[in-house]
Amino acid sequence: MHLAFFKTLPERIFALLLLVIFLPVLLVVYTCLCATSVPPHVITDAAVIRGTIVHTYRFRTTGRGTAAFHSIGRFLRRWGIDEWPSFWNVLRGEMRVVDISIWELP
């Protein structure tokens, strides 16, 4: 195994714990999005992180083709919940926790 795997192991464990703990919240958010907006409810963005293209995941907060937030989207953005699916990328080793934008202060 590479040394990089062991270097990111604590972050991967942290991401796994967060995903397991917040799974009920993620399911409720997904259900609310299904009821209030058009698909897709989880979208992917291509981002360049440390020179590699990574497809990150997040919940859709705006209407399709518009910049306007839909009913639940404003709440998701305010609390950073729309970025929680990105912890899947941390678990896979494609990102680090510091790369997720929920850690930025408003």
PDB file of N, CA and C in Angstrom:
ATOM      1  N   MET A   1       0.831  -1.182   0.000  1.00  0.00           N
ATOM      2  CA  MET A   1       0.000   0.000   0.000  1.00  0.00           C
ATOM      3  C   MET A   1       0.875   1.244   0.000  1.00  0.00           C
ATOM      4  N   HIS A   2       0.315   2.283  -0.563  1.00  0.00           N
ATOM      5  CA  HIS A   2       1.052   3.534  -0.626  1.00  0.00           C
ATOM      6  C   HIS A   2       1.029   4.244   0.723  1.00  0.00           C
ATOM      7  N   LEU A   3       2.034   5.055   0.938  1.00  0.00           N
ATOM      8  CA  LEU A   3       2.101   5.856   2.148  1.00  0.00           C
ATOM      9  C   LEU A   3       0.951   6.856   2.195  1.00  0.00           C
ATOM     10  N   ALA A   4       0.488   7.323   1.027  1.00  0.00           N
ATOM     11  CA  ALA A   4      -0.613   8.281   0.970  1.00  0.00           C
ATOM     12  C   ALA A   4      -1.892   7.698   1.574  1.00  0.00           C
ATOM     13  N   PHE A   5      -2.100   6.389   1.436  1.00  0.00           N
ATOM     14  CA  PHE A   5      -3.280   5.759   2.021  1.00  0.00           C
ATOM     15  C   PHE A   5      -3.274   5.918   3.532  1.00  0.00           C
ATOM     16  N   PHE A   6      -2.131   5.668   4.158  1.00  0.00           N
ATOM     17  CA  PHE A   6      -2.038   5.784   5.611  1.00  0.00           C
ATOM     18  C   PHE A   6      -2.079   7.234   6.073  1.00  0.00           C
ATOM     19  N   LYS A   7      -1.630   8.135   5.214  1.00  0.00           N
ATOM     20  CA  LYS A   7      -1.671   9.554   5.543  1.00  0.00           C
ATOM     21  C   LYS A   7      -3.115  10.057   5.581  1.00  0.00           C
ATOM     22  N   THR A   8      -3.955   9.527   4.702  1.00  0.00           N
ATOM     23  CA  THR A   8      -5.350   9.967   4.651  1.00  0.00           C
ATOM     24  C   THR A   8      -6.288   9.055   5.435  1.00  0.00           C
ATOM     25  N   LEU A   9      -5.773   8.023   6.058  1.00  0.00           N
ATOM     26  CA  LEU A   9      -6.616   7.072   6.791  1.00  0.00           C
ATOM     27  C   LEU A   9      -7.461   7.737   7.875  1.00  0.00           C
ATOM     28  N   PRO A  10      -6.918   8.643   8.707  1.00  0.00           N
ATOM     29  CA  PRO A  10      -7.792   9.297   9.703  1.00  0.00           C
ATOM     30  C   PRO A  10      -8.937  10.091   9.067  1.00  0.00           C
ATOM     31  N   GLU A  11      -8.667  10.744   7.940  1.00  0.00           N
ATOM     32  CA  GLU A  11      -9.729  11.487   7.264  1.00  0.00           C
ATOM     33  C   GLU A  11     -10.777  10.542   6.693  1.00  0.00           C
ATOM     34  N   ARG A  12     -10.348   9.404   6.189  1.00  0.00           N
ATOM     35  CA  ARG A  12     -11.298   8.431   5.652  1.00  0.00           C
ATOM     36  C   ARG A  12     -12.173   7.860   6.757  1.00  0.00           C
ATOM     37  N   ILE A  13     -11.605   7.592   7.898  1.00  0.00           N
ATOM     38  CA  ILE A  13     -12.380   7.095   9.036  1.00  0.00           C
ATOM     39  C   ILE A  13     -13.366   8.161   9.490  1.00  0.00           C
ATOM     40  N   PHE A  14     -12.908   9.429   9.552  1.00  0.00           N
ATOM     41  CA  PHE A  14     -13.767  10.547   9.918  1.00  0.00           C
ATOM     42  C   PHE A  14     -14.931  10.675   8.940  1.00  0.00           C
ATOM     43  N   ALA A  15     -14.652  10.580   7.644  1.00  0.00           N
ATOM     44  CA  ALA A  15     -15.706  10.683   6.623  1.00  0.00           C
ATOM     45  C   ALA A  15     -16.698   9.533   6.750  1.00  0.00           C
ATOM     46  N   LEU A  16     -16.211   8.331   7.008  1.00  0.00           N
ATOM     47  CA  LEU A  16     -17.097   7.181   7.177  1.00  0.00           C
ATOM     48  C   LEU A  16     -18.014   7.384   8.384  1.00  0.00           C
ATOM     49  N   LEU A  17     -17.444   7.854   9.492  1.00  0.00           N
ATOM     50  CA  LEU A  17     -18.258   8.101  10.682  1.00  0.00           C
ATOM     51  C   LEU A  17     -19.320   9.163  10.420  1.00  0.00           C
ATOM     52  N   LEU A  18     -18.933  10.247   9.748  1.00  0.00           N
ATOM     53  CA  LEU A  18     -19.903  11.297   9.447  1.00  0.00           C
ATOM     54  C   LEU A  18     -21.013  10.788   8.535  1.00  0.00           C
ATOM     55  N   LEU A  19     -20.651  10.009   7.523  1.00  0.00           N
ATOM     56  CA  LEU A  19     -21.670   9.485   6.618  1.00  0.00           C
ATOM     57  C   LEU A  19     -22.634   8.543   7.330  1.00  0.00           C
ATOM     58  N   VAL A  20     -22.115   7.729   8.234  1.00  0.00           N
ATOM     59  CA  VAL A  20     -22.982   6.802   8.972  1.00  0.00           C
ATOM     60  C   VAL A  20     -23.877   7.567   9.948  1.00  0.00           C
ATOM     61  N   ILE A  21     -23.290   8.535  10.664  1.00  0.00           N
ATOM     62  CA  ILE A  21     -24.062   9.297  11.647  1.00  0.00           C
ATOM     63  C   ILE A  21     -25.148  10.133  10.969  1.00  0.00           C
ATOM     64  N   PHE A  22     -24.792  10.764   9.858  1.00  0.00           N
ATOM     65  CA  PHE A  22     -25.728  11.675   9.199  1.00  0.00           C
ATOM     66  C   PHE A  22     -26.547  11.015   8.099  1.00  0.00           C
ATOM     67  N   LEU A  23     -26.484   9.712   7.973  1.00  0.00           N
ATOM     68  CA  LEU A  23     -27.275   9.022   6.952  1.00  0.00           C
ATOM     69  C   LEU A  23     -28.768   9.316   7.069  1.00  0.00           C
ATOM     70  N   PRO A  24     -29.362   9.304   8.271  1.00  0.00           N
ATOM     71  CA  PRO A  24     -30.792   9.653   8.350  1.00  0.00           C
ATOM     72  C   PRO A  24     -31.079  11.072   7.848  1.00  0.00           C
ATOM     73  N   VAL A  25     -30.210  12.015   8.169  1.00  0.00           N
ATOM     74  CA  VAL A  25     -30.395  13.395   7.705  1.00  0.00           C
ATOM     75  C   VAL A  25     -30.272  13.452   6.186  1.00  0.00           C
ATOM     76  N   LEU A  26     -29.293  12.751   5.633  1.00  0.00           N
ATOM     77  CA  LEU A  26     -29.118  12.734   4.190  1.00  0.00           C
ATOM     78  C   LEU A  26     -30.347  12.152   3.492  1.00  0.00           C
ATOM     79  N   LEU A  27     -30.914  11.109   4.057  1.00  0.00           N
ATOM     80  CA  LEU A  27     -32.123  10.505   3.477  1.00  0.00           C
ATOM     81  C   LEU A  27     -33.329  11.439   3.552  1.00  0.00           C
ATOM     82  N   VAL A  28     -33.464  12.163   4.666  1.00  0.00           N
ATOM     83  CA  VAL A  28     -34.562  13.121   4.806  1.00  0.00           C
ATOM     84  C   VAL A  28     -34.388  14.259   3.802  1.00  0.00           C
ATOM     85  N   VAL A  29     -33.167  14.769   3.667  1.00  0.00           N
ATOM     86  CA  VAL A  29     -32.900  15.841   2.707  1.00  0.00           C
ATOM     87  C   VAL A  29     -33.204  15.364   1.297  1.00  0.00           C
ATOM     88  N   TYR A  30     -32.763  14.171   0.960  1.00  0.00           N
ATOM     89  CA  TYR A  30     -33.021  13.632  -0.372  1.00  0.00           C
ATOM     90  C   TYR A  30     -34.524  13.482  -0.620  1.00  0.00           C
ATOM     91  N   THR A  31     -35.244  13.009   0.371  1.00  0.00           N
ATOM     92  CA  THR A  31     -36.692  12.852   0.244  1.00  0.00           C
ATOM     93  C   THR A  31     -37.367  14.212   0.053  1.00  0.00           C
ATOM     94  N   CYS A  32     -36.938  15.208   0.811  1.00  0.00           N
ATOM     95  CA  CYS A  32     -37.495  16.552   0.661  1.00  0.00           C
ATOM     96  C   CYS A  32     -37.197  17.114  -0.721  1.00  0.00           C
ATOM     97  N   LEU A  33     -35.999  16.877  -1.219  1.00  0.00           N
ATOM     98  CA  LEU A  33     -35.654  17.344  -2.556  1.00  0.00           C
ATOM     99  C   LEU A  33     -36.501  16.645  -3.614  1.00  0.00           C
ATOM    100  N   CYS A  34     -36.749  15.370  -3.423  1.00  0.00           N
ATOM    101  CA  CYS A  34     -37.600  14.635  -4.377  1.00  0.00           C
ATOM    102  C   CYS A  34     -39.014  15.206  -4.405  1.00  0.00           C
ATOM    103  N   ALA A  35     -39.483  15.674  -3.247  1.00  0.00           N
ATOM    104  CA  ALA A  35     -40.844  16.195  -3.169  1.00  0.00           C
ATOM    105  C   ALA A  35     -40.961  17.629  -3.680  1.00  0.00           C
ATOM    106  N   THR A  36     -39.862  18.400  -3.661  1.00  0.00           N
ATOM    107  CA  THR A  36     -39.970  19.832  -3.965  1.00  0.00           C
ATOM    108  C   THR A  36     -39.256  20.282  -5.232  1.00  0.00           C
ATOM    109  N   SER A  37     -38.457  19.450  -5.848  1.00  0.00           N
ATOM    110  CA  SER A  37     -37.706  19.922  -7.014  1.00  0.00           C
ATOM    111  C   SER A  37     -37.664  18.841  -8.090  1.00  0.00           C
ATOM    112  N   VAL A  38     -37.149  19.245  -9.245  1.00  0.00           N
ATOM    113  CA  VAL A  38     -37.038  18.311 -10.367  1.00  0.00           C
ATOM    114  C   VAL A  38     -35.698  17.589 -10.309  1.00  0.00           C
ATOM    115  N   PRO A  39     -35.621  16.370 -10.815  1.00  0.00           N
ATOM    116  CA  PRO A  39     -34.355  15.640 -10.822  1.00  0.00           C
ATOM    117  C   PRO A  39     -33.335  16.316 -11.723  1.00  0.00           C
ATOM    118  N   PRO A  40     -32.086  16.092 -11.575  1.00  0.00           N
ATOM    119  CA  PRO A  40     -31.440  15.241 -10.565  1.00  0.00           C
ATOM    120  C   PRO A  40     -31.319  15.972  -9.233  1.00  0.00           C
ATOM    121  N   HIS A  41     -31.400  15.232  -8.144  1.00  0.00           N
ATOM    122  CA  HIS A  41     -31.354  15.824  -6.816  1.00  0.00           C
ATOM    123  C   HIS A  41     -29.944  15.833  -6.255  1.00  0.00           C
ATOM    124  N   VAL A  42     -29.127  14.912  -6.696  1.00  0.00           N
ATOM    125  CA  VAL A  42     -27.697  14.919  -6.368  1.00  0.00           C
ATOM    126  C   VAL A  42     -26.971  15.156  -7.685  1.00  0.00           C
ATOM    127  N   ILE A  43     -26.150  16.193  -7.721  1.00  0.00           N
ATOM    128  CA  ILE A  43     -25.457  16.534  -8.960  1.00  0.00           C
ATOM    129  C   ILE A  43     -23.956  16.372  -8.767  1.00  0.00           C
ATOM    130  N   THR A  44     -23.261  16.219  -9.866  1.00  0.00           N
ATOM    131  CA  THR A  44     -21.811  16.097  -9.816  1.00  0.00           C
ATOM    132  C   THR A  44     -21.189  17.320 -10.460  1.00  0.00           C
ATOM    133  N   ASP A  45     -20.091  17.740  -9.891  1.00  0.00           N
ATOM    134  CA  ASP A  45     -19.297  18.832 -10.432  1.00  0.00           C
ATOM    135  C   ASP A  45     -17.893  18.312 -10.650  1.00  0.00           C
ATOM    136  N   ALA A  46     -17.275  18.712 -11.736  1.00  0.00           N
ATOM    137  CA  ALA A  46     -15.876  18.359 -11.967  1.00  0.00           C
ATOM    138  C   ALA A  46     -15.015  19.454 -11.353  1.00  0.00           C
ATOM    139  N   ALA A  47     -14.099  19.069 -10.503  1.00  0.00           N
ATOM    140  CA  ALA A  47     -13.202  20.018  -9.859  1.00  0.00           C
ATOM    141  C   ALA A  47     -11.773  19.500 -10.002  1.00  0.00           C
ATOM    142  N   VAL A  48     -10.842  20.424 -10.132  1.00  0.00           N
ATOM    143  CA  VAL A  48      -9.430  20.051 -10.172  1.00  0.00           C
ATOM    144  C   VAL A  48      -8.881  20.217  -8.771  1.00  0.00           C
ATOM    145  N   ILE A  49      -8.496  19.104  -8.176  1.00  0.00           N
ATOM    146  CA  ILE A  49      -7.955  19.100  -6.820  1.00  0.00           C
ATOM    147  C   ILE A  49      -6.573  18.483  -6.871  1.00  0.00           C
ATOM    148  N   ARG A  50      -5.584  19.277  -6.519  1.00  0.00           N
ATOM    149  CA  ARG A  50      -4.178  18.866  -6.558  1.00  0.00           C
ATOM    150  C   ARG A  50      -3.787  18.284  -7.912  1.00  0.00           C
ATOM    151  N   GLY A  51      -4.256  18.927  -8.984  1.00  0.00           N
ATOM    152  CA  GLY A  51      -3.876  18.527 -10.328  1.00  0.00           C
ATOM    153  C   GLY A  51      -4.646  17.360 -10.910  1.00  0.00           C
ATOM    154  N   THR A  52      -5.638  16.853 -10.194  1.00  0.00           N
ATOM    155  CA  THR A  52      -6.437  15.739 -10.682  1.00  0.00           C
ATOM    156  C   THR A  52      -7.898  16.169 -10.803  1.00  0.00           C
ATOM    157  N   ILE A  53      -8.557  15.691 -11.836  1.00  0.00           N
ATOM    158  CA  ILE A  53      -9.982  15.987 -11.996  1.00  0.00           C
ATOM    159  C   ILE A  53     -10.780  15.019 -11.131  1.00  0.00           C
ATOM    160  N   VAL A  54     -11.604  15.588 -10.249  1.00  0.00           N
ATOM    161  CA  VAL A  54     -12.421  14.807  -9.324  1.00  0.00           C
ATOM    162  C   VAL A  54     -13.870  15.195  -9.547  1.00  0.00           C
ATOM    163  N   HIS A  55     -14.742  14.212  -9.615  1.00  0.00           N
ATOM    164  CA  HIS A  55     -16.176  14.471  -9.753  1.00  0.00           C
ATOM    165  C   HIS A  55     -16.781  14.474  -8.353  1.00  0.00           C
ATOM    166  N   THR A  56     -17.084  15.668  -7.856  1.00  0.00           N
ATOM    167  CA  THR A  56     -17.636  15.809  -6.515  1.00  0.00           C
ATOM    168  C   THR A  56     -19.151  15.753  -6.566  1.00  0.00           C
ATOM    169  N   TYR A  57     -19.745  15.378  -5.456  1.00  0.00           N
ATOM    170  CA  TYR A  57     -21.191  15.239  -5.360  1.00  0.00           C
ATOM    171  C   TYR A  57     -21.735  16.304  -4.417  1.00  0.00           C
ATOM    172  N   ARG A  58     -22.941  16.778  -4.704  1.00  0.00           N
ATOM    173  CA  ARG A  58     -23.633  17.692  -3.803  1.00  0.00           C
ATOM    174  C   ARG A  58     -25.118  17.661  -4.120  1.00  0.00           C
ATOM    175  N   PHE A  59     -25.924  18.121  -3.146  1.00  0.00           N
ATOM    176  CA  PHE A  59     -27.357  18.212  -3.363  1.00  0.00           C
ATOM    177  C   PHE A  59     -27.661  19.439  -4.210  1.00  0.00           C
ATOM    178  N   ARG A  60     -28.667  19.341  -5.081  1.00  0.00           N
ATOM    179  CA  ARG A  60     -29.084  20.478  -5.895  1.00  0.00           C
ATOM    180  C   ARG A  60     -29.814  21.475  -5.006  1.00  0.00           C
ATOM    181  N   THR A  61     -29.377  22.748  -5.041  1.00  0.00           N
ATOM    182  CA  THR A  61     -30.008  23.787  -4.222  1.00  0.00           C
ATOM    183  C   THR A  61     -30.759  24.804  -5.060  1.00  0.00           C
ATOM    184  N   THR A  62     -30.544  24.810  -6.357  1.00  0.00           N
ATOM    185  CA  THR A  62     -31.226  25.772  -7.226  1.00  0.00           C
ATOM    186  C   THR A  62     -32.137  25.038  -8.189  1.00  0.00           C
ATOM    187  N   GLY A  63     -33.028  25.793  -8.786  1.00  0.00           N
ATOM    188  CA  GLY A  63     -33.893  25.212  -9.800  1.00  0.00           C
ATOM    189  C   GLY A  63     -33.090  24.913 -11.053  1.00  0.00           C
ATOM    190  N   ARG A  64     -33.572  24.016 -11.861  1.00  0.00           N
ATOM    191  CA  ARG A  64     -32.858  23.636 -13.079  1.00  0.00           C
ATOM    192  C   ARG A  64     -32.819  24.818 -14.042  1.00  0.00           C
ATOM    193  N   GLY A  65     -31.624  25.215 -14.460  1.00  0.00           N
ATOM    194  CA  GLY A  65     -31.447  26.280 -15.432  1.00  0.00           C
ATOM    195  C   GLY A  65     -31.579  27.680 -14.862  1.00  0.00           C
ATOM    196  N   THR A  66     -31.711  27.807 -13.547  1.00  0.00           N
ATOM    197  CA  THR A  66     -31.822  29.129 -12.937  1.00  0.00           C
ATOM    198  C   THR A  66     -30.827  29.249 -11.795  1.00  0.00           C
ATOM    199  N   ALA A  67     -30.603  30.472 -11.362  1.00  0.00           N
ATOM    200  CA  ALA A  67     -29.733  30.706 -10.219  1.00  0.00           C
ATOM    201  C   ALA A  67     -30.542  30.898  -8.941  1.00  0.00           C
ATOM    202  N   ALA A  68     -31.860  30.833  -9.046  1.00  0.00           N
ATOM    203  CA  ALA A  68     -32.727  31.045  -7.888  1.00  0.00           C
ATOM    204  C   ALA A  68     -32.788  29.780  -7.041  1.00  0.00           C
ATOM    205  N   PHE A  69     -32.698  29.957  -5.732  1.00  0.00           N
ATOM    206  CA  PHE A  69     -32.800  28.829  -4.815  1.00  0.00           C
ATOM    207  C   PHE A  69     -34.238  28.339  -4.762  1.00  0.00           C
ATOM    208  N   HIS A  70     -34.420  27.010  -4.674  1.00  0.00           N
ATOM    209  CA  HIS A  70     -35.769  26.511  -4.447  1.00  0.00           C
ATOM    210  C   HIS A  70     -36.027  26.468  -2.949  1.00  0.00           C
ATOM    211  N   SER A  71     -37.180  26.005  -2.540  1.00  0.00           N
ATOM    212  CA  SER A  71     -37.633  26.163  -1.153  1.00  0.00           C
ATOM    213  C   SER A  71     -36.665  25.611  -0.104  1.00  0.00           C
ATOM    214  N   ILE A  72     -36.162  24.419  -0.296  1.00  0.00           N
ATOM    215  CA  ILE A  72     -35.251  23.835   0.687  1.00  0.00           C
ATOM    216  C   ILE A  72     -33.785  24.197   0.404  1.00  0.00           C
ATOM    217  N   GLY A  73     -33.516  24.649  -0.804  1.00  0.00           N
ATOM    218  CA  GLY A  73     -32.140  24.943  -1.206  1.00  0.00           C
ATOM    219  C   GLY A  73     -31.459  26.011  -0.385  1.00  0.00           C
ATOM    220  N   ARG A  74     -32.199  27.036  -0.009  1.00  0.00           N
ATOM    221  CA  ARG A  74     -31.615  28.127   0.799  1.00  0.00           C
ATOM    222  C   ARG A  74     -31.156  27.591   2.151  1.00  0.00           C
ATOM    223  N   PHE A  75     -31.958  26.730   2.765  1.00  0.00           N
ATOM    224  CA  PHE A  75     -31.591  26.129   4.043  1.00  0.00           C
ATOM    225  C   PHE A  75     -30.351  25.246   3.895  1.00  0.00           C
ATOM    226  N   LEU A  76     -30.310  24.445   2.832  1.00  0.00           N
ATOM    227  CA  LEU A  76     -29.171  23.555   2.608  1.00  0.00           C
ATOM    228  C   LEU A  76     -27.876  24.347   2.420  1.00  0.00           C
ATOM    229  N   ARG A  77     -27.924  25.436   1.657  1.00  0.00           N
ATOM    230  CA  ARG A  77     -26.735  26.259   1.431  1.00  0.00           C
ATOM    231  C   ARG A  77     -26.298  26.955   2.709  1.00  0.00           C
ATOM    232  N   ARG A  78     -27.273  27.483   3.459  1.00  0.00           N
ATOM    233  CA  ARG A  78     -26.952  28.236   4.683  1.00  0.00           C
ATOM    234  C   ARG A  78     -26.169  27.379   5.669  1.00  0.00           C
ATOM    235  N   TRP A  79     -26.551  26.125   5.821  1.00  0.00           N
ATOM    236  CA  TRP A  79     -25.916  25.248   6.791  1.00  0.00           C
ATOM    237  C   TRP A  79     -24.872  24.322   6.178  1.00  0.00           C
ATOM    238  N   GLY A  80     -24.652  24.413   4.867  1.00  0.00           N
ATOM    239  CA  GLY A  80     -23.626  23.611   4.211  1.00  0.00           C
ATOM    240  C   GLY A  80     -23.998  22.153   4.012  1.00  0.00           C
ATOM    241  N   ILE A  81     -25.258  21.834   4.208  1.00  0.00           N
ATOM    242  CA  ILE A  81     -25.700  20.445   4.097  1.00  0.00           C
ATOM    243  C   ILE A  81     -25.614  19.958   2.660  1.00  0.00           C
ATOM    244  N   ASP A  82     -25.691  20.874   1.709  1.00  0.00           N
ATOM    245  CA  ASP A  82     -25.627  20.468   0.300  1.00  0.00           C
ATOM    246  C   ASP A  82     -24.273  19.877  -0.061  1.00  0.00           C
ATOM    247  N   GLU A  83     -23.238  20.128   0.731  1.00  0.00           N
ATOM    248  CA  GLU A  83     -21.900  19.606   0.462  1.00  0.00           C
ATOM    249  C   GLU A  83     -21.621  18.272   1.157  1.00  0.00           C
ATOM    250  N   TRP A  84     -22.515  17.804   2.009  1.00  0.00           N
ATOM    251  CA  TRP A  84     -22.269  16.564   2.747  1.00  0.00           C
ATOM    252  C   TRP A  84     -22.010  15.354   1.868  1.00  0.00           C
ATOM    253  N   PRO A  85     -22.647  15.219   0.698  1.00  0.00           N
ATOM    254  CA  PRO A  85     -22.311  14.071  -0.139  1.00  0.00           C
ATOM    255  C   PRO A  85     -20.843  14.045  -0.596  1.00  0.00           C
ATOM    256  N   SER A  86     -20.136  15.155  -0.483  1.00  0.00           N
ATOM    257  CA  SER A  86     -18.712  15.185  -0.843  1.00  0.00           C
ATOM    258  C   SER A  86     -17.856  14.325   0.088  1.00  0.00           C
ATOM    259  N   PHE A  87     -18.395  13.989   1.259  1.00  0.00           N
ATOM    260  CA  PHE A  87     -17.638  13.111   2.149  1.00  0.00           C
ATOM    261  C   PHE A  87     -17.449  11.729   1.523  1.00  0.00           C
ATOM    262  N   TRP A  88     -18.279  11.385   0.553  1.00  0.00           N
ATOM    263  CA  TRP A  88     -18.073  10.143  -0.193  1.00  0.00           C
ATOM    264  C   TRP A  88     -16.737  10.202  -0.937  1.00  0.00           C
ATOM    265  N   ASN A  89     -16.397  11.373  -1.489  1.00  0.00           N
ATOM    266  CA  ASN A  89     -15.120  11.539  -2.175  1.00  0.00           C
ATOM    267  C   ASN A  89     -13.946  11.419  -1.197  1.00  0.00           C
ATOM    268  N   VAL A  90     -14.132  11.916   0.017  1.00  0.00           N
ATOM    269  CA  VAL A  90     -13.087  11.787   1.039  1.00  0.00           C
ATOM    270  C   VAL A  90     -12.901  10.322   1.390  1.00  0.00           C
ATOM    271  N   LEU A  91     -14.006   9.612   1.536  1.00  0.00           N
ATOM    272  CA  LEU A  91     -13.948   8.183   1.857  1.00  0.00           C
ATOM    273  C   LEU A  91     -13.226   7.409   0.764  1.00  0.00           C
ATOM    274  N   ARG A  92     -13.416   7.792  -0.485  1.00  0.00           N
ATOM    275  CA  ARG A  92     -12.754   7.129  -1.609  1.00  0.00           C
ATOM    276  C   ARG A  92     -11.305   7.563  -1.776  1.00  0.00           C
ATOM    277  N   GLY A  93     -10.884   8.621  -1.063  1.00  0.00           N
ATOM    278  CA  GLY A  93      -9.505   9.076  -1.145  1.00  0.00           C
ATOM    279  C   GLY A  93      -9.241  10.067  -2.264  1.00  0.00           C
ATOM    280  N   GLU A  94     -10.296  10.571  -2.910  1.00  0.00           N
ATOM    281  CA  GLU A  94     -10.131  11.518  -4.008  1.00  0.00           C
ATOM    282  C   GLU A  94      -9.977  12.954  -3.521  1.00  0.00           C
ATOM    283  N   MET A  95     -10.482  13.226  -2.312  1.00  0.00           N
ATOM    284  CA  MET A  95     -10.420  14.561  -1.732  1.00  0.00           C
ATOM    285  C   MET A  95      -9.950  14.446  -0.299  1.00  0.00           C
ATOM    286  N   ARG A  96      -9.639  15.607   0.271  1.00  0.00           N
ATOM    287  CA  ARG A  96      -9.365  15.683   1.700  1.00  0.00           C
ATOM    288  C   ARG A  96     -10.473  16.504   2.328  1.00  0.00           C
ATOM    289  N   VAL A  97     -10.612  16.419   3.626  1.00  0.00           N
ATOM    290  CA  VAL A  97     -11.676  17.130   4.322  1.00  0.00           C
ATOM    291  C   VAL A  97     -11.538  18.638   4.114  1.00  0.00           C
ATOM    292  N   VAL A  98     -10.324  19.136   4.060  1.00  0.00           N
ATOM    293  CA  VAL A  98     -10.120  20.583   3.888  1.00  0.00           C
ATOM    294  C   VAL A  98     -10.566  21.059   2.508  1.00  0.00           C
ATOM    295  N   ASP A  99     -10.763  20.168   1.549  1.00  0.00           N
ATOM    296  CA  ASP A  99     -11.202  20.544   0.209  1.00  0.00           C
ATOM    297  C   ASP A  99     -12.699  20.801   0.131  1.00  0.00           C
ATOM    298  N   ILE A 100     -13.457  20.368   1.116  1.00  0.00           N
ATOM    299  CA  ILE A 100     -14.901  20.532   1.093  1.00  0.00           C
ATOM    300  C   ILE A 100     -15.230  21.940   1.543  1.00  0.00           C
ATOM    301  N   SER A 101     -16.077  22.603   0.785  1.00  0.00           N
ATOM    302  CA  SER A 101     -16.321  24.032   1.009  1.00  0.00           C
ATOM    303  C   SER A 101     -17.208  24.338   2.207  1.00  0.00           C
ATOM    304  N   ILE A 102     -17.736  23.338   2.921  1.00  0.00           N
ATOM    305  CA  ILE A 102     -18.572  23.644   4.087  1.00  0.00           C
ATOM    306  C   ILE A 102     -17.728  24.210   5.229  1.00  0.00           C
ATOM    307  N   TRP A 103     -16.422  24.067   5.143  1.00  0.00           N
ATOM    308  CA  TRP A 103     -15.559  24.567   6.201  1.00  0.00           C
ATOM    309  C   TRP A 103     -15.258  26.052   6.055  1.00  0.00           C
ATOM    310  N   GLU A 104     -15.669  26.661   4.939  1.00  0.00           N
ATOM    311  CA  GLU A 104     -15.432  28.085   4.741  1.00  0.00           C
ATOM    312  C   GLU A 104     -16.422  28.881   5.585  1.00  0.00           C
ATOM    313  N   LEU A 105     -15.930  29.940   6.200  1.00  0.00           N
ATOM    314  CA  LEU A 105     -16.803  30.794   6.983  1.00  0.00           C
ATOM    315  C   LEU A 105     -17.554  31.742   6.061  1.00  0.00           C
ATOM    316  N   PRO A 106     -18.814  32.055   6.370  1.00  0.00           N
ATOM    317  CA  PRO A 106     -19.593  32.955   5.496  1.00  0.00           C
ATOM    318  C   PRO A 106     -19.055  34.376   5.512  1.00  0.00           C
TER     319      PRO A 106
END
